[in-house]
Amino acid sequence: MELGIRGRKAIVNGASAGMGKEAALALAREGVDLCICARGAERVQASAREIAALTGVEVVPVVADHSTEEGRARILAACPSPDILVGTCSPPRMTPDYRAIELAHWQEALQIGLLGPVQFMHAVLDGMVARGWGRIVNIATVAAKYPLEVRILSGGPRAALANYCGAVALRVIGQGVTINTVLPGMFHTAFTRQQFGAQAQAAGTSYEEEVARFSREMRIAAGRFGEAQDVGSLVAWLCSGHASYLTGQSIVMDGGANRSTF
């Protein structure tokens, strides 16, 4: 399907690996020129070279922390007028006991998961509105909708972010700008491979066995974890010309782990 975004320019934050990288690659395959950022120079530069070689689009890598003012300024200097903004980041620490969460943990999680994305949207929205076209997609977490003690630092800030996006989306849809949020469940990423790999090593099992056990225990209807490219494909569609009437939504993508009609 032709998504109607060839020649557009996109900023994709957290694009050196995982869902962010797959979102960048999916957009690049549609002919979107990219500015991708991450904190690790080696990985983001390697990802830029890979995506450019696979798709032929222009990919500018920027080494920056997009949750900071300095990092956002560096990214926007490389791409001052994006048509598309995709935001994601590495998940915060797990919290198996809510009583162990300290103020510093909250401050870090709020800056990365809420305040940084809000400030980045502020920086690009006026330009999108003035040009009469824009797409913003934040890749958050299913824990924003379905609370889990172990994911409090991830779910809490991103629930607030989804609420903020829903409110602002109503303000700008009339000027051709949409804002949506993707809420992924369990996917194969570097984070889950590290987490379940460590469990497998401690239990004398394998990563695949630990994933299968977790999928059974959490009653994931698909019986498996998702692939990061599935999220990338959804993000690309939400950024497309076909999604102009969809805005302010938080879309769960979790393989049927959570049961609700709405």
C-alpha atoms as a PDB file:
ATOM      1  CA  MET A   1       0.000   0.000   0.000  1.00  0.00           C
ATOM      2  CA  GLU A   2       1.323   3.430  -0.932  1.00  0.00           C
ATOM      3  CA  LEU A   3       1.139   5.496   2.255  1.00  0.00           C
ATOM      4  CA  GLY A   4       1.330   8.884   0.565  1.00  0.00           C
ATOM      5  CA  ILE A   5       4.260  10.263   2.594  1.00  0.00           C
ATOM      6  CA  ARG A   6       7.123   9.997   0.093  1.00  0.00           C
ATOM      7  CA  GLY A   7       9.394  13.022   0.379  1.00  0.00           C
ATOM      8  CA  ARG A   8       8.282  13.912   3.915  1.00  0.00           C
ATOM      9  CA  LYS A   9      10.838  14.475   6.683  1.00  0.00           C
ATOM     10  CA  ALA A  10      10.717  12.640   9.993  1.00  0.00           C
ATOM     11  CA  ILE A  11      12.483  12.776  13.324  1.00  0.00           C
ATOM     12  CA  VAL A  12      12.562   9.378  15.030  1.00  0.00           C
ATOM     13  CA  ASN A  13      13.898   9.459  18.574  1.00  0.00           C
ATOM     14  CA  GLY A  14      15.341   6.344  20.165  1.00  0.00           C
ATOM     15  CA  ALA A  15      15.907   4.851  16.708  1.00  0.00           C
ATOM     16  CA  SER A  16      19.166   2.957  17.151  1.00  0.00           C
ATOM     17  CA  ALA A  17      17.420  -0.336  18.000  1.00  0.00           C
ATOM     18  CA  GLY A  18      14.119  -2.060  18.714  1.00  0.00           C
ATOM     19  CA  MET A  19      10.779  -0.444  17.988  1.00  0.00           C
ATOM     20  CA  GLY A  20      12.263   2.965  17.240  1.00  0.00           C
ATOM     21  CA  LYS A  21      14.607   1.546  14.618  1.00  0.00           C
ATOM     22  CA  GLU A  22      11.812  -0.499  13.029  1.00  0.00           C
ATOM     23  CA  ALA A  23       9.585   2.591  12.896  1.00  0.00           C
ATOM     24  CA  ALA A  24      12.390   4.505  11.179  1.00  0.00           C
ATOM     25  CA  LEU A  25      12.950   1.670   8.707  1.00  0.00           C
ATOM     26  CA  ALA A  26       9.225   1.399   7.895  1.00  0.00           C
ATOM     27  CA  LEU A  27       9.049   5.143   7.225  1.00  0.00           C
ATOM     28  CA  ALA A  28      12.206   5.026   5.112  1.00  0.00           C
ATOM     29  CA  ARG A  29      10.711   2.269   2.969  1.00  0.00           C
ATOM     30  CA  GLU A  30       7.896   4.703   2.193  1.00  0.00           C
ATOM     31  CA  GLY A  31      10.385   7.291   0.951  1.00  0.00           C
ATOM     32  CA  VAL A  32      10.558   9.431   4.103  1.00  0.00           C
ATOM     33  CA  ASP A  33      13.893  11.168   4.781  1.00  0.00           C
ATOM     34  CA  LEU A  34      15.016  10.663   8.358  1.00  0.00           C
ATOM     35  CA  CYS A  35      16.785  12.276  11.257  1.00  0.00           C
ATOM     36  CA  ILE A  36      17.324   9.542  13.832  1.00  0.00           C
ATOM     37  CA  CYS A  37      18.726  10.000  17.301  1.00  0.00           C
ATOM     38  CA  ALA A  38      19.978   7.974  20.238  1.00  0.00           C
ATOM     39  CA  ARG A  39      22.498   8.404  23.030  1.00  0.00           C
ATOM     40  CA  GLY A  40      24.941   5.772  21.755  1.00  0.00           C
ATOM     41  CA  ALA A  41      27.048   7.052  18.853  1.00  0.00           C
ATOM     42  CA  GLU A  42      28.135   3.696  17.452  1.00  0.00           C
ATOM     43  CA  ARG A  43      24.669   2.172  17.324  1.00  0.00           C
ATOM     44  CA  VAL A  44      22.811   5.171  15.908  1.00  0.00           C
ATOM     45  CA  GLN A  45      25.436   5.719  13.219  1.00  0.00           C
ATOM     46  CA  ALA A  46      25.357   2.032  12.280  1.00  0.00           C
ATOM     47  CA  SER A  47      21.542   2.105  12.133  1.00  0.00           C
ATOM     48  CA  ALA A  48      21.634   5.175   9.892  1.00  0.00           C
ATOM     49  CA  ARG A  49      24.017   3.506   7.460  1.00  0.00           C
ATOM     50  CA  GLU A  50      21.918   0.329   7.422  1.00  0.00           C
ATOM     51  CA  ILE A  51      18.596   2.101   6.814  1.00  0.00           C
ATOM     52  CA  ALA A  52      20.087   4.317   4.102  1.00  0.00           C
ATOM     53  CA  ALA A  53      21.614   1.305   2.329  1.00  0.00           C
ATOM     54  CA  LEU A  54      18.339  -0.631   2.437  1.00  0.00           C
ATOM     55  CA  THR A  55      16.055   2.184   1.309  1.00  0.00           C
ATOM     56  CA  GLY A  56      18.067   4.872  -0.467  1.00  0.00           C
ATOM     57  CA  VAL A  57      16.629   7.734   1.588  1.00  0.00           C
ATOM     58  CA  GLU A  58      18.648  10.362   3.416  1.00  0.00           C
ATOM     59  CA  VAL A  59      19.277   9.342   7.042  1.00  0.00           C
ATOM     60  CA  VAL A  60      20.994  11.816   9.366  1.00  0.00           C
ATOM     61  CA  PRO A  61      22.174  10.322  12.685  1.00  0.00           C
ATOM     62  CA  VAL A  62      22.327  12.572  15.742  1.00  0.00           C
ATOM     63  CA  VAL A  63      23.935  11.536  19.017  1.00  0.00           C
ATOM     64  CA  ALA A  64      21.699  13.125  21.637  1.00  0.00           C
ATOM     65  CA  ASP A  65      19.468  12.516  24.646  1.00  0.00           C
ATOM     66  CA  HIS A  66      16.085  13.772  23.450  1.00  0.00           C
ATOM     67  CA  SER A  67      14.791  14.077  27.019  1.00  0.00           C
ATOM     68  CA  THR A  68      17.155  17.027  27.597  1.00  0.00           C
ATOM     69  CA  GLU A  69      16.948  20.593  26.308  1.00  0.00           C
ATOM     70  CA  GLU A  70      20.440  20.364  24.845  1.00  0.00           C
ATOM     71  CA  GLY A  71      19.635  17.083  23.120  1.00  0.00           C
ATOM     72  CA  ARG A  72      16.424  18.405  21.583  1.00  0.00           C
ATOM     73  CA  ALA A  73      18.244  21.489  20.321  1.00  0.00           C
ATOM     74  CA  ARG A  74      20.856  19.301  18.633  1.00  0.00           C
ATOM     75  CA  ILE A  75      18.214  17.158  16.937  1.00  0.00           C
ATOM     76  CA  LEU A  76      16.148  20.135  15.773  1.00  0.00           C
ATOM     77  CA  ALA A  77      19.254  21.799  14.382  1.00  0.00           C
ATOM     78  CA  ALA A  78      19.647  18.773  12.110  1.00  0.00           C
ATOM     79  CA  CYS A  79      15.932  18.703  11.146  1.00  0.00           C
ATOM     80  CA  PRO A  80      14.255  22.014  12.044  1.00  0.00           C
ATOM     81  CA  SER A  81      10.956  21.463  10.189  1.00  0.00           C
ATOM     82  CA  PRO A  82       9.863  17.814  10.517  1.00  0.00           C
ATOM     83  CA  ASP A  83       6.575  16.638   9.049  1.00  0.00           C
ATOM     84  CA  ILE A  84       6.626  13.583  11.323  1.00  0.00           C
ATOM     85  CA  LEU A  85       7.787  13.062  14.905  1.00  0.00           C
ATOM     86  CA  VAL A  86       8.066   9.574  16.374  1.00  0.00           C
ATOM     87  CA  GLY A  87       9.095   9.268  20.001  1.00  0.00           C
ATOM     88  CA  THR A  88      10.278   6.291  22.006  1.00  0.00           C
ATOM     89  CA  CYS A  89      12.986   5.529  24.528  1.00  0.00           C
ATOM     90  CA  SER A  90      14.509   2.725  26.572  1.00  0.00           C
ATOM     91  CA  PRO A  91      12.127   1.584  29.318  1.00  0.00           C
ATOM     92  CA  PRO A  92      12.875   2.598  32.915  1.00  0.00           C
ATOM     93  CA  ARG A  93      13.887   0.192  35.648  1.00  0.00           C
ATOM     94  CA  MET A  94      11.518  -2.548  36.730  1.00  0.00           C
ATOM     95  CA  THR A  95       9.781  -2.002  40.085  1.00  0.00           C
ATOM     96  CA  PRO A  96       8.832  -5.346  41.673  1.00  0.00           C
ATOM     97  CA  ASP A  97       8.137  -3.499  44.969  1.00  0.00           C
ATOM     98  CA  TYR A  98       6.495  -0.064  44.787  1.00  0.00           C
ATOM     99  CA  ARG A  99       7.977   0.792  48.201  1.00  0.00           C
ATOM    100  CA  ALA A 100      11.460   0.775  46.713  1.00  0.00           C
ATOM    101  CA  ILE A 101      10.698   3.602  44.268  1.00  0.00           C
ATOM    102  CA  GLU A 102      12.630   6.707  45.286  1.00  0.00           C
ATOM    103  CA  LEU A 103      12.017  10.352  44.394  1.00  0.00           C
ATOM    104  CA  ALA A 104      15.029  10.346  42.060  1.00  0.00           C
ATOM    105  CA  HIS A 105      13.523   7.389  40.164  1.00  0.00           C
ATOM    106  CA  TRP A 106      10.288   9.347  39.660  1.00  0.00           C
ATOM    107  CA  GLN A 107      12.111  12.462  38.529  1.00  0.00           C
ATOM    108  CA  GLU A 108      14.093  10.525  35.936  1.00  0.00           C
ATOM    109  CA  ALA A 109      11.038   8.606  34.695  1.00  0.00           C
ATOM    110  CA  LEU A 110       8.906  11.746  34.417  1.00  0.00           C
ATOM    111  CA  GLN A 111      11.586  13.610  32.493  1.00  0.00           C
ATOM    112  CA  ILE A 112      12.111  10.786  30.003  1.00  0.00           C
ATOM    113  CA  GLY A 113       8.556   9.472  29.712  1.00  0.00           C
ATOM    114  CA  LEU A 114       6.476  12.654  30.001  1.00  0.00           C
ATOM    115  CA  LEU A 115       8.211  16.029  30.162  1.00  0.00           C
ATOM    116  CA  GLY A 116      10.762  15.384  27.409  1.00  0.00           C
ATOM    117  CA  PRO A 117       8.159  14.187  24.877  1.00  0.00           C
ATOM    118  CA  VAL A 118       5.821  17.073  25.760  1.00  0.00           C
ATOM    119  CA  GLN A 119       8.588  19.623  25.241  1.00  0.00           C
ATOM    120  CA  PHE A 120       9.577  18.028  21.940  1.00  0.00           C
ATOM    121  CA  MET A 121       5.992  18.198  20.694  1.00  0.00           C
ATOM    122  CA  HIS A 122       5.854  21.859  21.678  1.00  0.00           C
ATOM    123  CA  ALA A 123       8.952  22.482  19.574  1.00  0.00           C
ATOM    124  CA  VAL A 124       7.479  21.040  16.359  1.00  0.00           C
ATOM    125  CA  LEU A 125       3.711  21.478  16.562  1.00  0.00           C
ATOM    126  CA  ASP A 126       3.494  25.140  15.568  1.00  0.00           C
ATOM    127  CA  GLY A 127       5.443  24.442  12.387  1.00  0.00           C
ATOM    128  CA  MET A 128       3.246  21.475  11.501  1.00  0.00           C
ATOM    129  CA  VAL A 129       0.117  23.538  12.066  1.00  0.00           C
ATOM    130  CA  ALA A 130       1.466  26.403   9.955  1.00  0.00           C
ATOM    131  CA  ARG A 131       2.238  24.003   7.087  1.00  0.00           C
ATOM    132  CA  GLY A 132      -1.164  22.317   7.415  1.00  0.00           C
ATOM    133  CA  TRP A 133       0.161  18.761   7.813  1.00  0.00           C
ATOM    134  CA  GLY A 134       1.847  16.747  10.519  1.00  0.00           C
ATOM    135  CA  ARG A 135       1.986  13.410  12.300  1.00  0.00           C
ATOM    136  CA  ILE A 136       3.122  12.687  15.859  1.00  0.00           C
ATOM    137  CA  VAL A 137       3.260   9.134  17.205  1.00  0.00           C
ATOM    138  CA  ASN A 138       4.570   8.229  20.643  1.00  0.00           C
ATOM    139  CA  ILE A 139       5.526   4.611  21.293  1.00  0.00           C
ATOM    140  CA  ALA A 140       4.651   4.128  24.960  1.00  0.00           C
ATOM    141  CA  THR A 141       3.624   0.969  26.864  1.00  0.00           C
ATOM    142  CA  VAL A 142       0.525  -1.108  27.498  1.00  0.00           C
ATOM    143  CA  ALA A 143       1.158  -0.459  31.213  1.00  0.00           C
ATOM    144  CA  ALA A 144      -0.167   3.062  30.612  1.00  0.00           C
ATOM    145  CA  LYS A 145      -3.638   1.526  30.264  1.00  0.00           C
ATOM    146  CA  TYR A 146      -3.294  -1.660  32.327  1.00  0.00           C
ATOM    147  CA  PRO A 147      -1.351  -0.863  35.523  1.00  0.00           C
ATOM    148  CA  LEU A 148       1.327  -3.274  36.721  1.00  0.00           C
ATOM    149  CA  GLU A 149       3.367  -2.806  39.877  1.00  0.00           C
ATOM    150  CA  VAL A 150       6.505  -3.920  38.086  1.00  0.00           C
ATOM    151  CA  ARG A 151       6.019  -1.213  35.423  1.00  0.00           C
ATOM    152  CA  ILE A 152       4.903   1.731  37.573  1.00  0.00           C
ATOM    153  CA  LEU A 153       7.763   3.975  36.445  1.00  0.00           C
ATOM    154  CA  SER A 154       6.928   3.231  32.827  1.00  0.00           C
ATOM    155  CA  GLY A 155       3.129   3.174  32.938  1.00  0.00           C
ATOM    156  CA  GLY A 156       2.499   6.201  35.144  1.00  0.00           C
ATOM    157  CA  PRO A 157       4.336   8.877  33.119  1.00  0.00           C
ATOM    158  CA  ARG A 158       3.153   7.430  29.818  1.00  0.00           C
ATOM    159  CA  ALA A 159      -0.460   7.356  30.969  1.00  0.00           C
ATOM    160  CA  ALA A 160      -0.113  11.090  31.590  1.00  0.00           C
ATOM    161  CA  LEU A 161       1.538  11.476  28.172  1.00  0.00           C
ATOM    162  CA  ALA A 162      -1.344   9.662  26.456  1.00  0.00           C
ATOM    163  CA  ASN A 163      -3.828  11.923  28.231  1.00  0.00           C
ATOM    164  CA  TYR A 164      -1.898  15.020  27.167  1.00  0.00           C
ATOM    165  CA  CYS A 165      -1.678  13.807  23.563  1.00  0.00           C
ATOM    166  CA  GLY A 166      -5.407  13.143  23.472  1.00  0.00           C
ATOM    167  CA  ALA A 167      -6.163  16.675  24.643  1.00  0.00           C
ATOM    168  CA  VAL A 168      -3.741  18.442  22.289  1.00  0.00           C
ATOM    169  CA  ALA A 169      -4.822  16.254  19.356  1.00  0.00           C
ATOM    170  CA  LEU A 170      -8.271  17.865  19.486  1.00  0.00           C
ATOM    171  CA  ARG A 171      -6.690  21.300  19.133  1.00  0.00           C
ATOM    172  CA  VAL A 172      -4.653  20.574  15.992  1.00  0.00           C
ATOM    173  CA  ILE A 173      -6.654  18.023  13.957  1.00  0.00           C
ATOM    174  CA  GLY A 174      -8.429  20.871  12.173  1.00  0.00           C
ATOM    175  CA  GLN A 175      -5.061  22.014  10.802  1.00  0.00           C
ATOM    176  CA  GLY A 176      -4.162  18.593   9.394  1.00  0.00           C
ATOM    177  CA  VAL A 177      -2.044  17.396  12.329  1.00  0.00           C
ATOM    178  CA  THR A 178      -2.715  14.098  14.115  1.00  0.00           C
ATOM    179  CA  ILE A 179      -1.297  12.804  17.397  1.00  0.00           C
ATOM    180  CA  ASN A 180      -1.591   9.166  18.447  1.00  0.00           C
ATOM    181  CA  THR A 181       0.027   6.781  20.911  1.00  0.00           C
ATOM    182  CA  VAL A 182       0.944   3.107  20.492  1.00  0.00           C
ATOM    183  CA  LEU A 183       0.816   0.945  23.641  1.00  0.00           C
ATOM    184  CA  PRO A 184       2.937  -2.177  23.021  1.00  0.00           C
ATOM    185  CA  GLY A 185       2.849  -5.223  25.247  1.00  0.00           C
ATOM    186  CA  MET A 186       5.614  -7.846  25.251  1.00  0.00           C
ATOM    187  CA  PHE A 187       7.952  -7.722  22.258  1.00  0.00           C
ATOM    188  CA  HIS A 188      11.336  -9.175  21.399  1.00  0.00           C
ATOM    189  CA  THR A 189      13.698  -6.269  22.082  1.00  0.00           C
ATOM    190  CA  ALA A 190      17.168  -5.836  23.549  1.00  0.00           C
ATOM    191  CA  PHE A 191      15.481  -5.104  26.898  1.00  0.00           C
ATOM    192  CA  THR A 192      13.423  -8.303  26.976  1.00  0.00           C
ATOM    193  CA  ARG A 193      16.327 -10.392  25.684  1.00  0.00           C
ATOM    194  CA  GLN A 194      18.464  -9.123  28.537  1.00  0.00           C
ATOM    195  CA  GLN A 195      15.725  -9.594  31.134  1.00  0.00           C
ATOM    196  CA  PHE A 196      14.573 -13.072  30.103  1.00  0.00           C
ATOM    197  CA  GLY A 197      18.076 -14.148  29.149  1.00  0.00           C
ATOM    198  CA  ALA A 198      19.188 -13.449  32.709  1.00  0.00           C
ATOM    199  CA  GLN A 199      16.216 -15.426  34.057  1.00  0.00           C
ATOM    200  CA  ALA A 200      17.065 -18.315  31.766  1.00  0.00           C
ATOM    201  CA  GLN A 201      20.673 -18.354  32.908  1.00  0.00           C
ATOM    202  CA  ALA A 202      19.604 -18.371  36.570  1.00  0.00           C
ATOM    203  CA  ALA A 203      17.029 -21.137  35.986  1.00  0.00           C
ATOM    204  CA  GLY A 204      19.135 -23.261  33.659  1.00  0.00           C
ATOM    205  CA  THR A 205      16.620 -22.875  30.842  1.00  0.00           C
ATOM    206  CA  SER A 206      16.643 -20.953  27.552  1.00  0.00           C
ATOM    207  CA  TYR A 207      15.385 -17.537  26.496  1.00  0.00           C
ATOM    208  CA  GLU A 208      12.717 -19.234  24.364  1.00  0.00           C
ATOM    209  CA  GLU A 209      11.511 -21.329  27.304  1.00  0.00           C
ATOM    210  CA  GLU A 210      11.277 -18.306  29.584  1.00  0.00           C
ATOM    211  CA  VAL A 211       9.313 -16.364  26.967  1.00  0.00           C
ATOM    212  CA  ALA A 212       6.932 -19.312  26.507  1.00  0.00           C
ATOM    213  CA  ARG A 213       6.457 -19.621  30.277  1.00  0.00           C
ATOM    214  CA  PHE A 214       5.764 -15.905  30.662  1.00  0.00           C
ATOM    215  CA  SER A 215       3.329 -15.972  27.739  1.00  0.00           C
ATOM    216  CA  ARG A 216       1.370 -18.786  29.406  1.00  0.00           C
ATOM    217  CA  GLU A 217       1.371 -17.150  32.822  1.00  0.00           C
ATOM    218  CA  MET A 218       0.270 -13.776  31.444  1.00  0.00           C
ATOM    219  CA  ARG A 219      -2.301 -15.464  29.170  1.00  0.00           C
ATOM    220  CA  ILE A 220      -1.058 -13.802  26.014  1.00  0.00           C
ATOM    221  CA  ALA A 221      -3.586 -15.087  23.504  1.00  0.00           C
ATOM    222  CA  ALA A 222      -1.031 -15.128  20.682  1.00  0.00           C
ATOM    223  CA  GLY A 223       1.132 -17.445  22.790  1.00  0.00           C
ATOM    224  CA  ARG A 224       4.300 -15.485  22.020  1.00  0.00           C
ATOM    225  CA  PHE A 225       5.982 -12.101  22.121  1.00  0.00           C
ATOM    226  CA  GLY A 226       5.570  -9.689  19.225  1.00  0.00           C
ATOM    227  CA  GLU A 227       8.216  -8.612  16.737  1.00  0.00           C
ATOM    228  CA  ALA A 228       9.430  -5.015  16.777  1.00  0.00           C
ATOM    229  CA  GLN A 229       8.717  -4.595  13.058  1.00  0.00           C
ATOM    230  CA  ASP A 230       5.006  -5.036  13.795  1.00  0.00           C
ATOM    231  CA  VAL A 231       5.119  -1.842  15.848  1.00  0.00           C
ATOM    232  CA  GLY A 232       7.142  -0.135  13.129  1.00  0.00           C
ATOM    233  CA  SER A 233       4.524  -0.967  10.520  1.00  0.00           C
ATOM    234  CA  LEU A 234       1.700   0.399  12.672  1.00  0.00           C
ATOM    235  CA  VAL A 235       3.637   3.596  13.343  1.00  0.00           C
ATOM    236  CA  ALA A 236       4.247   4.099   9.620  1.00  0.00           C
ATOM    237  CA  TRP A 237       0.549   3.698   8.874  1.00  0.00           C
ATOM    238  CA  LEU A 238      -0.402   6.171  11.611  1.00  0.00           C
ATOM    239  CA  CYS A 239       1.973   8.629   9.916  1.00  0.00           C
ATOM    240  CA  SER A 240       0.428   8.036   6.501  1.00  0.00           C
ATOM    241  CA  GLY A 241      -1.988   9.943   4.357  1.00  0.00           C
ATOM    242  CA  HIS A 242      -4.586   7.257   5.099  1.00  0.00           C
ATOM    243  CA  ALA A 243      -4.717   8.104   8.828  1.00  0.00           C
ATOM    244  CA  SER A 244      -5.834  11.736   8.620  1.00  0.00           C
ATOM    245  CA  TYR A 245      -9.099  11.077  10.504  1.00  0.00           C
ATOM    246  CA  LEU A 246      -7.561   9.067  13.360  1.00  0.00           C
ATOM    247  CA  THR A 247      -6.264  11.174  16.229  1.00  0.00           C
ATOM    248  CA  GLY A 248      -6.023  11.296  20.001  1.00  0.00           C
ATOM    249  CA  GLN A 249      -6.038   7.507  20.234  1.00  0.00           C
ATOM    250  CA  SER A 250      -4.030   5.114  22.413  1.00  0.00           C
ATOM    251  CA  ILE A 251      -3.768   1.848  20.505  1.00  0.00           C
ATOM    252  CA  VAL A 252      -3.008  -1.345  22.430  1.00  0.00           C
ATOM    253  CA  MET A 253      -0.802  -3.868  20.616  1.00  0.00           C
ATOM    254  CA  ASP A 254      -0.250  -6.794  22.979  1.00  0.00           C
ATOM    255  CA  GLY A 255      -1.173 -10.062  21.225  1.00  0.00           C
ATOM    256  CA  GLY A 256      -4.450 -10.315  23.150  1.00  0.00           C
ATOM    257  CA  ALA A 257      -2.903 -10.282  26.635  1.00  0.00           C
ATOM    258  CA  ASN A 258      -5.470  -7.846  28.010  1.00  0.00           C
ATOM    259  CA  ARG A 259      -9.194  -8.292  27.575  1.00  0.00           C
ATOM    260  CA  SER A 260     -11.349  -5.220  27.158  1.00  0.00           C
ATOM    261  CA  THR A 261     -13.833  -4.004  24.589  1.00  0.00           C
ATOM    262  CA  PHE A 262     -12.596  -0.412  24.758  1.00  0.00           C
END
